[in-house]
C-alpha atoms as a PDB file:
ATOM      1  CA  MET A   1      44.214 149.360 118.230  1.00  0.00           C
ATOM      2  CA  PRO A   2      41.832 152.246 118.772  1.00  0.00           C
ATOM      3  CA  VAL A   3      41.120 154.299 115.664  1.00  0.00           C
ATOM      4  CA  ALA A   4      42.526 157.518 117.199  1.00  0.00           C
ATOM      5  CA  ILE A   5      45.906 155.879 117.840  1.00  0.00           C
ATOM      6  CA  ILE A   6      46.004 154.414 114.332  1.00  0.00           C
ATOM      7  CA  ASN A   7      45.230 157.857 112.849  1.00  0.00           C
ATOM      8  CA  LEU A   8      47.953 159.460 114.973  1.00  0.00           C
ATOM      9  CA  ILE A   9      50.491 156.845 113.888  1.00  0.00           C
ATOM     10  CA  GLU A  10      49.567 157.304 110.219  1.00  0.00           C
ATOM     11  CA  GLN A  11      49.933 161.092 110.494  1.00  0.00           C
ATOM     12  CA  LEU A  12      53.184 161.210 112.464  1.00  0.00           C
ATOM     13  CA  LYS A  13      55.003 158.102 111.208  1.00  0.00           C
ATOM     14  CA  TYR A  14      58.689 158.981 110.927  1.00  0.00           C
ATOM     15  CA  ILE A  15      58.474 162.319 112.736  1.00  0.00           C
ATOM     16  CA  GLY A  16      56.910 160.463 115.653  1.00  0.00           C
ATOM     17  CA  ILE A  17      59.661 157.840 115.540  1.00  0.00           C
ATOM     18  CA  PHE A  18      62.297 160.594 115.547  1.00  0.00           C
ATOM     19  CA  ILE A  19      60.789 162.524 118.459  1.00  0.00           C
ATOM     20  CA  GLY A  20      60.032 159.355 120.414  1.00  0.00           C
ATOM     21  CA  THR A  21      63.531 157.981 119.872  1.00  0.00           C
ATOM     22  CA  PHE A  22      65.082 161.255 120.968  1.00  0.00           C
ATOM     23  CA  VAL A  23      63.161 160.960 124.245  1.00  0.00           C
ATOM     24  CA  GLU A  24      63.163 157.163 124.777  1.00  0.00           C
ATOM     25  CA  GLY A  25      65.117 155.258 122.130  1.00  0.00           C
ATOM     26  CA  PRO A  26      64.821 151.565 123.052  1.00  0.00           C
ATOM     27  CA  ALA A  27      61.053 151.487 123.582  1.00  0.00           C
ATOM     28  CA  VAL A  28      60.424 153.405 120.364  1.00  0.00           C
ATOM     29  CA  GLY A  29      62.813 151.105 118.495  1.00  0.00           C
ATOM     30  CA  LEU A  30      60.746 148.099 119.542  1.00  0.00           C
ATOM     31  CA  PHE A  31      57.538 149.932 118.654  1.00  0.00           C
ATOM     32  CA  ALA A  32      58.907 151.006 115.240  1.00  0.00           C
ATOM     33  CA  GLY A  33      59.757 147.389 114.463  1.00  0.00           C
ATOM     34  CA  PHE A  34      56.269 146.392 115.554  1.00  0.00           C
ATOM     35  CA  LEU A  35      54.711 149.104 113.348  1.00  0.00           C
ATOM     36  CA  SER A  36      56.774 148.023 110.376  1.00  0.00           C
ATOM     37  CA  ARG A  37      55.564 144.434 110.758  1.00  0.00           C
ATOM     38  CA  MET A  38      51.989 145.672 110.935  1.00  0.00           C
ATOM     39  CA  GLY A  39      52.510 147.643 107.697  1.00  0.00           C
ATOM     40  CA  PHE A  40      52.336 151.182 109.113  1.00  0.00           C
ATOM     41  CA  VAL A  41      55.952 152.139 108.339  1.00  0.00           C
ATOM     42  CA  ASN A  42      58.787 150.982 106.114  1.00  0.00           C
ATOM     43  CA  ILE A  43      61.351 149.134 108.222  1.00  0.00           C
ATOM     44  CA  ILE A  44      64.371 150.559 106.392  1.00  0.00           C
ATOM     45  CA  LEU A  45      63.144 154.153 106.769  1.00  0.00           C
ATOM     46  CA  ALA A  46      62.204 153.484 110.393  1.00  0.00           C
ATOM     47  CA  TYR A  47      65.732 152.126 110.991  1.00  0.00           C
ATOM     48  CA  ILE A  48      67.374 155.182 109.413  1.00  0.00           C
ATOM     49  CA  VAL A  49      65.169 157.573 111.399  1.00  0.00           C
ATOM     50  CA  HIS A  50      65.788 155.639 114.620  1.00  0.00           C
ATOM     51  CA  VAL A  51      69.569 155.700 114.145  1.00  0.00           C
ATOM     52  CA  THR A  52      69.530 159.417 113.278  1.00  0.00           C
ATOM     53  CA  ALA A  53      67.381 160.340 116.276  1.00  0.00           C
ATOM     54  CA  ASP A  54      69.389 158.177 118.653  1.00  0.00           C
ATOM     55  CA  LEU A  55      72.642 159.771 117.494  1.00  0.00           C
ATOM     56  CA  SER A  56      71.065 163.222 117.781  1.00  0.00           C
ATOM     57  CA  ALA A  57      70.051 162.547 121.379  1.00  0.00           C
ATOM     58  CA  ASP A  58      73.498 161.196 122.211  1.00  0.00           C
ATOM     59  CA  PHE A  59      75.158 164.291 120.780  1.00  0.00           C
ATOM     60  CA  PHE A  60      72.729 166.546 122.608  1.00  0.00           C
ATOM     61  CA  TYR A  61      73.858 165.064 125.926  1.00  0.00           C
ATOM     62  CA  TYR A  62      77.506 164.871 124.874  1.00  0.00           C
ATOM     63  CA  PHE A  63      77.731 168.514 123.756  1.00  0.00           C
ATOM     64  CA  SER A  64      75.619 169.786 126.624  1.00  0.00           C
ATOM     65  CA  ALA A  65      78.038 168.237 129.114  1.00  0.00           C
ATOM     66  CA  TYR A  66      80.991 169.307 126.938  1.00  0.00           C
ATOM     67  CA  LYS A  67      79.935 172.957 127.038  1.00  0.00           C
ATOM     68  CA  GLY A  68      78.155 173.321 130.339  1.00  0.00           C
ATOM     69  CA  LYS A  69      79.263 170.635 132.778  1.00  0.00           C
ATOM     70  CA  LYS A  70      77.723 171.383 136.186  1.00  0.00           C
ATOM     71  CA  ARG A  71      75.461 174.161 134.842  1.00  0.00           C
ATOM     72  CA  PHE A  72      73.915 171.602 132.463  1.00  0.00           C
ATOM     73  CA  PHE A  73      73.232 169.188 135.300  1.00  0.00           C
ATOM     74  CA  ASN A  74      71.583 171.852 137.416  1.00  0.00           C
ATOM     75  CA  LYS A  75      69.447 173.161 134.542  1.00  0.00           C
ATOM     76  CA  PHE A  76      67.991 169.747 133.717  1.00  0.00           C
ATOM     77  CA  ASN A  77      67.720 168.574 137.341  1.00  0.00           C
ATOM     78  CA  PHE A  78      69.862 165.470 136.976  1.00  0.00           C
ATOM     79  CA  SER A  79      70.097 163.448 140.138  1.00  0.00           C
ATOM     80  CA  GLU A  80      73.288 163.569 142.150  1.00  0.00           C
ATOM     81  CA  LYS A  81      73.667 159.852 141.455  1.00  0.00           C
ATOM     82  CA  ASN A  82      73.941 160.492 137.674  1.00  0.00           C
ATOM     83  CA  ILE A  83      76.452 163.288 138.248  1.00  0.00           C
ATOM     84  CA  VAL A  84      78.635 161.047 140.447  1.00  0.00           C
ATOM     85  CA  ARG A  85      78.405 158.234 137.873  1.00  0.00           C
ATOM     86  CA  ALA A  86      79.358 160.617 135.052  1.00  0.00           C
ATOM     87  CA  GLU A  87      82.384 161.840 137.020  1.00  0.00           C
ATOM     88  CA  LYS A  88      83.526 158.246 137.715  1.00  0.00           C
ATOM     89  CA  ILE A  89      83.041 157.262 134.088  1.00  0.00           C
ATOM     90  CA  GLN A  90      84.945 160.378 133.021  1.00  0.00           C
ATOM     91  CA  LYS A  91      88.006 158.922 134.785  1.00  0.00           C
ATOM     92  CA  LEU A  92      87.595 155.548 133.012  1.00  0.00           C
ATOM     93  CA  PHE A  93      87.758 157.255 129.620  1.00  0.00           C
ATOM     94  CA  TYR A  94      91.467 157.763 130.040  1.00  0.00           C
ATOM     95  CA  THR A  95      92.112 154.015 129.915  1.00  0.00           C
ATOM     96  CA  HIS A  96      89.238 152.432 127.928  1.00  0.00           C
ATOM     97  CA  PRO A  97      87.333 155.032 125.888  1.00  0.00           C
ATOM     98  CA  THR A  98      86.160 152.741 123.067  1.00  0.00           C
ATOM     99  CA  LYS A  99      84.887 150.035 125.375  1.00  0.00           C
ATOM    100  CA  ILE A 100      83.146 152.570 127.605  1.00  0.00           C
ATOM    101  CA  ILE A 101      81.279 154.247 124.738  1.00  0.00           C
ATOM    102  CA  ILE A 102      80.141 150.972 123.178  1.00  0.00           C
ATOM    103  CA  LEU A 103      79.196 149.474 126.557  1.00  0.00           C
ATOM    104  CA  GLY A 104      77.232 152.591 127.451  1.00  0.00           C
ATOM    105  CA  LYS A 105      75.400 152.545 124.165  1.00  0.00           C
ATOM    106  CA  LEU A 106      74.460 148.883 124.340  1.00  0.00           C
ATOM    107  CA  THR A 107      73.380 149.013 127.989  1.00  0.00           C
ATOM    108  CA  HIS A 108      70.547 151.382 128.644  1.00  0.00           C
ATOM    109  CA  ILE A 109      71.179 151.796 132.371  1.00  0.00           C
ATOM    110  CA  ILE A 110      74.611 153.449 132.215  1.00  0.00           C
ATOM    111  CA  GLY A 111      74.212 155.077 128.801  1.00  0.00           C
ATOM    112  CA  LEU A 112      73.397 158.591 130.016  1.00  0.00           C
ATOM    113  CA  PRO A 113      76.274 158.837 132.518  1.00  0.00           C
ATOM    114  CA  ILE A 114      78.678 157.645 129.808  1.00  0.00           C
ATOM    115  CA  LEU A 115      77.442 160.234 127.308  1.00  0.00           C
ATOM    116  CA  LEU A 116      77.772 162.927 129.952  1.00  0.00           C
ATOM    117  CA  GLY A 117      81.181 161.667 131.065  1.00  0.00           C
ATOM    118  CA  ALA A 118      82.487 161.736 127.497  1.00  0.00           C
ATOM    119  CA  GLY A 119      81.338 165.319 127.120  1.00  0.00           C
ATOM    120  CA  MET A 120      82.672 166.415 130.505  1.00  0.00           C
ATOM    121  CA  MET A 121      86.167 165.150 129.708  1.00  0.00           C
ATOM    122  CA  HIS A 122      86.102 166.748 126.256  1.00  0.00           C
ATOM    123  CA  TYR A 123      86.588 163.426 124.521  1.00  0.00           C
ATOM    124  CA  SER A 124      87.144 163.890 120.764  1.00  0.00           C
ATOM    125  CA  TRP A 125      83.724 164.285 119.148  1.00  0.00           C
ATOM    126  CA  ARG A 126      84.969 162.593 115.948  1.00  0.00           C
ATOM    127  CA  ARG A 127      86.047 159.487 117.810  1.00  0.00           C
ATOM    128  CA  PHE A 128      82.874 159.647 119.884  1.00  0.00           C
ATOM    129  CA  LEU A 129      80.827 159.788 116.670  1.00  0.00           C
ATOM    130  CA  LEU A 130      82.678 156.811 115.210  1.00  0.00           C
ATOM    131  CA  PHE A 131      82.172 154.529 118.214  1.00  0.00           C
ATOM    132  CA  ASP A 132      78.692 155.799 119.015  1.00  0.00           C
ATOM    133  CA  LEU A 133      77.584 155.308 115.401  1.00  0.00           C
ATOM    134  CA  ALA A 134      78.896 151.737 115.316  1.00  0.00           C
ATOM    135  CA  ALA A 135      77.088 150.850 118.550  1.00  0.00           C
ATOM    136  CA  THR A 136      73.919 152.702 117.481  1.00  0.00           C
ATOM    137  CA  LEU A 137      73.734 150.822 114.178  1.00  0.00           C
ATOM    138  CA  ILE A 138      73.877 147.516 116.043  1.00  0.00           C
ATOM    139  CA  LYS A 139      71.518 148.534 118.849  1.00  0.00           C
ATOM    140  CA  SER A 140      68.880 149.980 116.491  1.00  0.00           C
ATOM    141  CA  LEU A 141      69.031 146.877 114.304  1.00  0.00           C
ATOM    142  CA  ILE A 142      68.487 144.648 117.332  1.00  0.00           C
ATOM    143  CA  LEU A 143      65.622 146.763 118.692  1.00  0.00           C
ATOM    144  CA  LEU A 144      63.736 147.048 115.397  1.00  0.00           C
ATOM    145  CA  SER A 145      64.262 143.348 114.684  1.00  0.00           C
ATOM    146  CA  LEU A 146      62.941 142.403 118.120  1.00  0.00           C
ATOM    147  CA  GLY A 147      59.902 144.631 117.626  1.00  0.00           C
ATOM    148  CA  TYR A 148      59.318 143.141 114.184  1.00  0.00           C
ATOM    149  CA  TYR A 149      59.455 139.564 115.454  1.00  0.00           C
ATOM    150  CA  LEU A 150      57.451 140.347 118.585  1.00  0.00           C
ATOM    151  CA  ALA A 151      54.715 141.625 116.276  1.00  0.00           C
ATOM    152  CA  GLU A 152      54.951 138.333 114.391  1.00  0.00           C
ATOM    153  CA  PHE A 153      54.586 136.490 117.689  1.00  0.00           C
ATOM    154  CA  TRP A 154      51.745 138.811 118.753  1.00  0.00           C
ATOM    155  CA  THR A 155      49.765 138.127 115.567  1.00  0.00           C
ATOM    156  CA  LYS A 156      50.296 134.393 115.991  1.00  0.00           C
ATOM    157  CA  ALA A 157      49.411 134.602 119.686  1.00  0.00           C
ATOM    158  CA  ASN A 158      46.310 136.550 118.731  1.00  0.00           C
ATOM    159  CA  ASP A 159      45.349 133.714 116.372  1.00  0.00           C
ATOM    160  CA  VAL A 160      46.027 131.126 119.088  1.00  0.00           C
ATOM    161  CA  ILE A 161      43.904 133.082 121.569  1.00  0.00           C
ATOM    162  CA  SER A 162      41.142 133.338 118.976  1.00  0.00           C
ATOM    163  CA  TYR A 163      41.254 129.584 118.329  1.00  0.00           C
ATOM    164  CA  ALA A 164      41.389 128.873 122.058  1.00  0.00           C
ATOM    165  CA  SER A 165      38.347 131.093 122.598  1.00  0.00           C
ATOM    166  CA  TRP A 166      36.397 129.196 119.942  1.00  0.00           C
ATOM    167  CA  PHE A 167      37.507 125.885 121.453  1.00  0.00           C
ATOM    168  CA  ILE A 168      36.414 126.966 124.955  1.00  0.00           C
ATOM    169  CA  ALA A 169      33.077 128.238 123.626  1.00  0.00           C
ATOM    170  CA  LEU A 170      32.541 124.944 121.787  1.00  0.00           C
ATOM    171  CA  PHE A 171      33.505 122.986 124.905  1.00  0.00           C
ATOM    172  CA  ILE A 172      31.038 124.972 127.047  1.00  0.00           C
ATOM    173  CA  ALA A 173      28.322 124.489 124.425  1.00  0.00           C
ATOM    174  CA  ILE A 174      28.949 120.717 124.441  1.00  0.00           C
ATOM    175  CA  ILE A 175      28.741 120.620 128.255  1.00  0.00           C
ATOM    176  CA  ILE A 176      25.466 122.605 128.218  1.00  0.00           C
ATOM    177  CA  ILE A 177      24.023 120.331 125.530  1.00  0.00           C
ATOM    178  CA  TYR A 178      25.147 117.280 127.535  1.00  0.00           C
ATOM    179  CA  PHE A 179      23.352 118.476 130.674  1.00  0.00           C
ATOM    180  CA  ILE A 180      20.222 119.394 128.694  1.00  0.00           C
ATOM    181  CA  ILE A 181      20.134 115.960 127.090  1.00  0.00           C
ATOM    182  CA  LYS A 182      20.844 114.303 130.437  1.00  0.00           C
ATOM    183  CA  LYS A 183      17.980 116.243 132.023  1.00  0.00           C
ATOM    184  CA  LEU A 184      15.647 115.312 129.149  1.00  0.00           C
ATOM    185  CA  ILE A 185      16.572 111.636 129.452  1.00  0.00           C
ATOM    186  CA  GLN A 186      16.051 111.698 133.237  1.00  0.00           C
ATOM    187  CA  ASP A 187      12.651 113.339 132.723  1.00  0.00           C
ATOM    188  CA  LEU A 188      11.699 110.757 130.082  1.00  0.00           C
ATOM    189  CA  TRP A 189      12.847 107.798 132.190  1.00  0.00           C
ATOM    190  CA  GLY A 190      11.336 109.262 135.306  1.00  0.00           C
ATOM    191  CA  ASN A 191       7.899 109.370 133.717  1.00  0.00           C
END
């Protein structure tokens, strides 16, 4: 890693994880797990910060839709597709609210429309917190664990690539030496 990035990571650490998770939770979760494996952050603190930031972002969207509905969508330039999805999901809350919240949390693609739909229908924030927290605890654990083990794989892959590079260099050196010796023998026998 370039020195500037390492310095930035060391300075921001948990604040960076919080801000990054608020903006893009899954990618930062993987990265936080990776950083913890590399020794830059404590995995338990990174997990707590990731969960807190993810819940904060979810409640930002939930309460924004709860209070503002259409005005919120216009202010933040949400696409019409997300608005239509949120309105459809709002209707599903009447029959399967728990499943919808957990499904939305665990699947990144429909997460935002579900958060907005829950807010638009004025779903109980206490129940929302309960189900969202349960799903967030699981999702953050999975993301940080994946990042941690991908870093393990990356370090091992880095070692394998290093060994492979040495093997290829040795192989090329042997081929060059072979042709040099062959040329010397041909020159000796030719004379």
